[in-house]
Amino acid sequence: MKPETPITYRVAKPPDVPRLRELIAASARGLSAGFYSDKQVESALHFVFGVDSQLIADGTYFVGEAGGEFVACGGWSKRKTLFGGDQFKGKVDPLLDPWMEPARIRAFFVHPEWGRRGIGRELLKLCETAALAEEFTALELGSTLPGVPFYSALGFAPKEQLEITFPNGVTFPLTRMGKSLDG
């Protein structure tokens, strides 16, 4: 696909799930190099990274497409889960109180061939606008190491260093980050 191909954004639908899985795997493998070992990335893909079908059902997950190809995905949530696909999160995912709790920015993945073109920034704008419309005044996310500079450049500040230990014993560092939406 040529870089000048226009990118369109839309809400993800259930039939998109197989293509989203492919995009997530390509993004994680391609953009995590130098930040995580191959074993960490493959473990994350198996145990954490993946499609959260609740985001799709809620209509809060977006796809960026260029010429019919999925080049990015990401969303926001009005639910408690901070990160992780269906294989990681609990069965119960209660709603957040927009007056007391920040909305979640969730599952941002950009195809490595499409990185650094403003696609993630555009997805984040869509999420911020939607969260504001639902009366949220703050955002929170769990960022991978390669995502920290991206989110920092867009006004997010680190809040806490996290480390997940997968069932296979592999550890995976993340950073909890937050941002106010009230100007």
C-alpha atoms as a PDB file:
ATOM      1  CA  MET A   1       0.000   0.000   0.000  1.00  0.00           C
ATOM      2  CA  LYS A   2       1.345   3.431  -0.894  1.00  0.00           C
ATOM      3  CA  PRO A   3       1.893   5.994   1.881  1.00  0.00           C
ATOM      4  CA  GLU A   4      -0.365   8.498   0.129  1.00  0.00           C
ATOM      5  CA  THR A   5      -3.357   6.112   0.284  1.00  0.00           C
ATOM      6  CA  PRO A   6      -6.011   7.895   2.358  1.00  0.00           C
ATOM      7  CA  ILE A   7      -6.869   6.439   5.733  1.00  0.00           C
ATOM      8  CA  THR A   8     -10.475   6.135   6.825  1.00  0.00           C
ATOM      9  CA  TYR A   9     -11.647   5.441  10.362  1.00  0.00           C
ATOM     10  CA  ARG A  10     -14.735   3.564  11.477  1.00  0.00           C
ATOM     11  CA  VAL A  11     -16.143   1.666  14.433  1.00  0.00           C
ATOM     12  CA  ALA A  12     -15.011  -1.978  14.486  1.00  0.00           C
ATOM     13  CA  LYS A  13     -17.627  -4.688  13.963  1.00  0.00           C
ATOM     14  CA  PRO A  14     -17.630  -8.375  15.037  1.00  0.00           C
ATOM     15  CA  PRO A  15     -16.725  -9.653  11.519  1.00  0.00           C
ATOM     16  CA  ASP A  16     -13.480  -7.602  11.777  1.00  0.00           C
ATOM     17  CA  VAL A  17     -12.075  -9.768  14.589  1.00  0.00           C
ATOM     18  CA  PRO A  18      -9.878 -12.116  12.458  1.00  0.00           C
ATOM     19  CA  ARG A  19      -8.276  -9.163  10.666  1.00  0.00           C
ATOM     20  CA  LEU A  20      -7.837  -7.290  13.958  1.00  0.00           C
ATOM     21  CA  ARG A  21      -5.994 -10.302  15.398  1.00  0.00           C
ATOM     22  CA  GLU A  22      -3.610 -10.261  12.423  1.00  0.00           C
ATOM     23  CA  LEU A  23      -3.002  -6.528  12.822  1.00  0.00           C
ATOM     24  CA  ILE A  24      -2.398  -6.835  16.575  1.00  0.00           C
ATOM     25  CA  ALA A  25       0.158  -9.615  16.054  1.00  0.00           C
ATOM     26  CA  ALA A  26       1.996  -7.724  13.301  1.00  0.00           C
ATOM     27  CA  SER A  27       2.074  -4.540  15.376  1.00  0.00           C
ATOM     28  CA  ALA A  28       3.274  -6.234  18.554  1.00  0.00           C
ATOM     29  CA  ARG A  29       6.000  -8.176  16.775  1.00  0.00           C
ATOM     30  CA  GLY A  30       7.155  -5.276  14.622  1.00  0.00           C
ATOM     31  CA  LEU A  31       7.029  -2.350  17.041  1.00  0.00           C
ATOM     32  CA  SER A  32       8.223  -4.092  20.211  1.00  0.00           C
ATOM     33  CA  ALA A  33      11.669  -4.933  18.843  1.00  0.00           C
ATOM     34  CA  GLY A  34      14.330  -3.395  21.035  1.00  0.00           C
ATOM     35  CA  PHE A  35      11.897  -2.942  23.940  1.00  0.00           C
ATOM     36  CA  TYR A  36      10.874  -6.530  24.690  1.00  0.00           C
ATOM     37  CA  SER A  37      12.412  -9.928  23.961  1.00  0.00           C
ATOM     38  CA  ASP A  38      10.775 -12.239  21.426  1.00  0.00           C
ATOM     39  CA  LYS A  39       9.651 -14.435  24.331  1.00  0.00           C
ATOM     40  CA  GLN A  40       7.992 -11.466  26.050  1.00  0.00           C
ATOM     41  CA  VAL A  41       6.184 -10.449  22.857  1.00  0.00           C
ATOM     42  CA  GLU A  42       4.969 -13.961  22.068  1.00  0.00           C
ATOM     43  CA  SER A  43       3.844 -14.415  25.681  1.00  0.00           C
ATOM     44  CA  ALA A  44       1.989 -11.095  25.569  1.00  0.00           C
ATOM     45  CA  LEU A  45       0.271 -12.141  22.340  1.00  0.00           C
ATOM     46  CA  HIS A  46      -0.770 -15.428  23.907  1.00  0.00           C
ATOM     47  CA  PHE A  47      -1.844 -14.194  27.341  1.00  0.00           C
ATOM     48  CA  VAL A  48      -2.776 -10.487  27.048  1.00  0.00           C
ATOM     49  CA  PHE A  49      -2.779  -8.790  23.640  1.00  0.00           C
ATOM     50  CA  GLY A  50      -5.860  -9.447  21.605  1.00  0.00           C
ATOM     51  CA  VAL A  51      -9.311  -8.294  20.720  1.00  0.00           C
ATOM     52  CA  ASP A  52     -11.596  -7.255  23.578  1.00  0.00           C
ATOM     53  CA  SER A  53     -15.012  -8.145  22.202  1.00  0.00           C
ATOM     54  CA  GLN A  54     -16.676  -5.915  24.830  1.00  0.00           C
ATOM     55  CA  LEU A  55     -15.098  -2.836  23.198  1.00  0.00           C
ATOM     56  CA  ILE A  56     -16.578  -3.885  19.871  1.00  0.00           C
ATOM     57  CA  ALA A  57     -19.981  -4.560  21.451  1.00  0.00           C
ATOM     58  CA  ASP A  58     -19.872  -1.146  23.162  1.00  0.00           C
ATOM     59  CA  GLY A  59     -19.033   0.573  19.849  1.00  0.00           C
ATOM     60  CA  THR A  60     -15.872   2.120  21.337  1.00  0.00           C
ATOM     61  CA  TYR A  61     -13.212   0.383  19.209  1.00  0.00           C
ATOM     62  CA  PHE A  62     -12.012   1.888  15.941  1.00  0.00           C
ATOM     63  CA  VAL A  63     -10.242   0.601  12.842  1.00  0.00           C
ATOM     64  CA  GLY A  64      -8.062   2.642  10.522  1.00  0.00           C
ATOM     65  CA  GLU A  65      -8.130   1.376   6.933  1.00  0.00           C
ATOM     66  CA  ALA A  66      -6.152   2.236   3.816  1.00  0.00           C
ATOM     67  CA  GLY A  67      -7.294   0.713   0.554  1.00  0.00           C
ATOM     68  CA  GLY A  68      -9.210  -1.983   2.429  1.00  0.00           C
ATOM     69  CA  GLU A  69      -6.170  -2.933   4.525  1.00  0.00           C
ATOM     70  CA  PHE A  70      -6.339  -2.612   8.336  1.00  0.00           C
ATOM     71  CA  VAL A  71      -3.459  -0.316   9.302  1.00  0.00           C
ATOM     72  CA  ALA A  72      -4.390   0.567  12.898  1.00  0.00           C
ATOM     73  CA  CYS A  73      -6.881  -0.077  15.653  1.00  0.00           C
ATOM     74  CA  GLY A  74      -7.558   1.378  19.066  1.00  0.00           C
ATOM     75  CA  GLY A  75     -10.340   2.409  21.319  1.00  0.00           C
ATOM     76  CA  TRP A  76     -11.585   3.655  24.615  1.00  0.00           C
ATOM     77  CA  SER A  77     -13.714   2.109  27.306  1.00  0.00           C
ATOM     78  CA  LYS A  78     -16.232   3.139  29.888  1.00  0.00           C
ATOM     79  CA  ARG A  79     -15.454  -0.094  31.747  1.00  0.00           C
ATOM     80  CA  LYS A  80     -12.977  -0.938  34.515  1.00  0.00           C
ATOM     81  CA  THR A  81     -10.554  -3.140  32.545  1.00  0.00           C
ATOM     82  CA  LEU A  82      -7.296  -1.243  31.972  1.00  0.00           C
ATOM     83  CA  PHE A  83      -5.796  -3.509  29.306  1.00  0.00           C
ATOM     84  CA  GLY A  84      -5.947  -6.955  27.741  1.00  0.00           C
ATOM     85  CA  GLY A  85      -8.001  -8.887  25.262  1.00  0.00           C
ATOM     86  CA  ASP A  86     -10.704 -11.457  25.920  1.00  0.00           C
ATOM     87  CA  GLN A  87      -8.127 -14.068  26.938  1.00  0.00           C
ATOM     88  CA  PHE A  88      -6.813 -11.849  29.775  1.00  0.00           C
ATOM     89  CA  LYS A  89      -9.655  -9.910  31.313  1.00  0.00           C
ATOM     90  CA  GLY A  90     -12.269 -11.082  33.739  1.00  0.00           C
ATOM     91  CA  LYS A  91     -15.763 -12.090  32.717  1.00  0.00           C
ATOM     92  CA  VAL A  92     -17.315  -9.168  34.614  1.00  0.00           C
ATOM     93  CA  ASP A  93     -16.293  -5.731  33.389  1.00  0.00           C
ATOM     94  CA  PRO A  94     -18.366  -3.146  35.279  1.00  0.00           C
ATOM     95  CA  LEU A  95     -19.017   0.360  34.027  1.00  0.00           C
ATOM     96  CA  LEU A  96     -16.959   3.283  35.303  1.00  0.00           C
ATOM     97  CA  ASP A  97     -18.428   6.371  36.948  1.00  0.00           C
ATOM     98  CA  PRO A  98     -17.448   9.249  34.602  1.00  0.00           C
ATOM     99  CA  TRP A  99     -17.563  11.729  37.497  1.00  0.00           C
ATOM    100  CA  MET A 100     -15.184   9.696  39.659  1.00  0.00           C
ATOM    101  CA  GLU A 101     -13.080   7.492  37.366  1.00  0.00           C
ATOM    102  CA  PRO A 102     -11.106   8.005  34.150  1.00  0.00           C
ATOM    103  CA  ALA A 103     -12.156   6.375  30.889  1.00  0.00           C
ATOM    104  CA  ARG A 104      -9.682   3.823  29.576  1.00  0.00           C
ATOM    105  CA  ILE A 105      -7.686   4.080  26.379  1.00  0.00           C
ATOM    106  CA  ARG A 106      -7.389   0.539  25.119  1.00  0.00           C
ATOM    107  CA  ALA A 107      -5.631  -1.737  22.654  1.00  0.00           C
ATOM    108  CA  PHE A 108      -3.863   0.687  20.314  1.00  0.00           C
ATOM    109  CA  PHE A 109      -1.963  -1.116  17.567  1.00  0.00           C
ATOM    110  CA  VAL A 110      -0.487   0.305  14.359  1.00  0.00           C
ATOM    111  CA  HIS A 111       0.916  -1.855  11.577  1.00  0.00           C
ATOM    112  CA  PRO A 112       4.715  -1.367  11.537  1.00  0.00           C
ATOM    113  CA  GLU A 113       4.642  -0.281   7.884  1.00  0.00           C
ATOM    114  CA  TRP A 114       2.209   2.510   8.795  1.00  0.00           C
ATOM    115  CA  GLY A 115       3.864   3.854  11.934  1.00  0.00           C
ATOM    116  CA  ARG A 116       4.767   7.496  12.519  1.00  0.00           C
ATOM    117  CA  ARG A 117       2.141   8.917  10.137  1.00  0.00           C
ATOM    118  CA  GLY A 118      -0.277  10.357  12.685  1.00  0.00           C
ATOM    119  CA  ILE A 119      -2.662   7.400  12.575  1.00  0.00           C
ATOM    120  CA  GLY A 120      -2.431   6.660  16.302  1.00  0.00           C
ATOM    121  CA  ARG A 121      -2.848  10.356  17.059  1.00  0.00           C
ATOM    122  CA  GLU A 122      -6.037  10.458  14.962  1.00  0.00           C
ATOM    123  CA  LEU A 123      -7.427   7.367  16.705  1.00  0.00           C
ATOM    124  CA  LEU A 124      -6.684   8.962  20.071  1.00  0.00           C
ATOM    125  CA  LYS A 125      -8.596  12.113  19.020  1.00  0.00           C
ATOM    126  CA  LEU A 126     -11.616   9.964  18.166  1.00  0.00           C
ATOM    127  CA  CYS A 127     -11.401   8.295  21.577  1.00  0.00           C
ATOM    128  CA  GLU A 128     -10.998  11.567  23.496  1.00  0.00           C
ATOM    129  CA  THR A 129     -13.962  13.132  21.704  1.00  0.00           C
ATOM    130  CA  ALA A 130     -16.151  10.099  22.430  1.00  0.00           C
ATOM    131  CA  ALA A 131     -15.098   9.932  26.102  1.00  0.00           C
ATOM    132  CA  LEU A 132     -15.840  13.641  26.548  1.00  0.00           C
ATOM    133  CA  ALA A 133     -19.279  13.119  25.001  1.00  0.00           C
ATOM    134  CA  GLU A 134     -19.913  10.492  27.702  1.00  0.00           C
ATOM    135  CA  GLU A 135     -18.899  13.099  30.349  1.00  0.00           C
ATOM    136  CA  PHE A 136     -15.514  11.616  31.282  1.00  0.00           C
ATOM    137  CA  THR A 137     -12.987  14.221  32.410  1.00  0.00           C
ATOM    138  CA  ALA A 138      -9.862  12.051  32.448  1.00  0.00           C
ATOM    139  CA  LEU A 139      -8.242   9.148  30.645  1.00  0.00           C
ATOM    140  CA  GLU A 140      -6.052   6.312  31.858  1.00  0.00           C
ATOM    141  CA  LEU A 141      -4.168   3.544  30.046  1.00  0.00           C
ATOM    142  CA  GLY A 142      -1.648   0.780  30.437  1.00  0.00           C
ATOM    143  CA  SER A 143       1.148   1.486  27.963  1.00  0.00           C
ATOM    144  CA  THR A 144       3.718  -0.864  26.558  1.00  0.00           C
ATOM    145  CA  LEU A 145       7.297   0.420  26.624  1.00  0.00           C
ATOM    146  CA  PRO A 146       7.282   1.527  22.947  1.00  0.00           C
ATOM    147  CA  GLY A 147       4.002   3.379  23.551  1.00  0.00           C
ATOM    148  CA  VAL A 148       5.244   5.553  26.433  1.00  0.00           C
ATOM    149  CA  PRO A 149       6.897   8.229  24.224  1.00  0.00           C
ATOM    150  CA  PHE A 150       3.797   8.376  21.986  1.00  0.00           C
ATOM    151  CA  TYR A 151       1.384   8.863  24.878  1.00  0.00           C
ATOM    152  CA  SER A 152       3.737  11.279  26.658  1.00  0.00           C
ATOM    153  CA  ALA A 153       3.848  13.463  23.532  1.00  0.00           C
ATOM    154  CA  LEU A 154       0.030  13.589  23.639  1.00  0.00           C
ATOM    155  CA  GLY A 155      -0.206  14.792  27.227  1.00  0.00           C
ATOM    156  CA  PHE A 156      -0.266  11.560  29.225  1.00  0.00           C
ATOM    157  CA  ALA A 157       1.901  11.361  32.345  1.00  0.00           C
ATOM    158  CA  PRO A 158       3.271   8.199  33.958  1.00  0.00           C
ATOM    159  CA  LYS A 159       1.444   7.226  37.156  1.00  0.00           C
ATOM    160  CA  GLU A 160       2.805   3.802  38.025  1.00  0.00           C
ATOM    161  CA  GLN A 161       5.195   1.139  36.740  1.00  0.00           C
ATOM    162  CA  LEU A 162       3.497  -2.255  36.417  1.00  0.00           C
ATOM    163  CA  GLU A 163       4.873  -5.708  35.764  1.00  0.00           C
ATOM    164  CA  ILE A 164       2.765  -8.650  34.666  1.00  0.00           C
ATOM    165  CA  THR A 165       3.978 -12.183  35.254  1.00  0.00           C
ATOM    166  CA  PHE A 166       2.473 -14.516  32.676  1.00  0.00           C
ATOM    167  CA  PRO A 167       1.507 -18.121  33.509  1.00  0.00           C
ATOM    168  CA  ASN A 168       4.695 -19.283  31.749  1.00  0.00           C
ATOM    169  CA  GLY A 169       6.811 -17.215  34.187  1.00  0.00           C
ATOM    170  CA  VAL A 170       7.754 -14.490  31.683  1.00  0.00           C
ATOM    171  CA  THR A 171       7.489 -10.943  33.040  1.00  0.00           C
ATOM    172  CA  PHE A 172       6.264  -7.962  31.040  1.00  0.00           C
ATOM    173  CA  PRO A 173       6.657  -4.321  32.150  1.00  0.00           C
ATOM    174  CA  LEU A 174       3.968  -1.720  31.448  1.00  0.00           C
ATOM    175  CA  THR A 175       3.381   1.884  32.512  1.00  0.00           C
ATOM    176  CA  ARG A 176       0.053   3.147  33.837  1.00  0.00           C
ATOM    177  CA  MET A 177      -0.458   6.653  32.431  1.00  0.00           C
ATOM    178  CA  GLY A 178      -3.144   9.311  32.799  1.00  0.00           C
ATOM    179  CA  LYS A 179      -4.385  12.544  31.261  1.00  0.00           C
ATOM    180  CA  SER A 180      -6.983  15.140  32.206  1.00  0.00           C
ATOM    181  CA  LEU A 181      -9.566  16.114  29.598  1.00  0.00           C
ATOM    182  CA  ASP A 182     -10.747  19.282  31.292  1.00  0.00           C
ATOM    183  CA  GLY A 183      -8.226  21.518  29.608  1.00  0.00           C
END
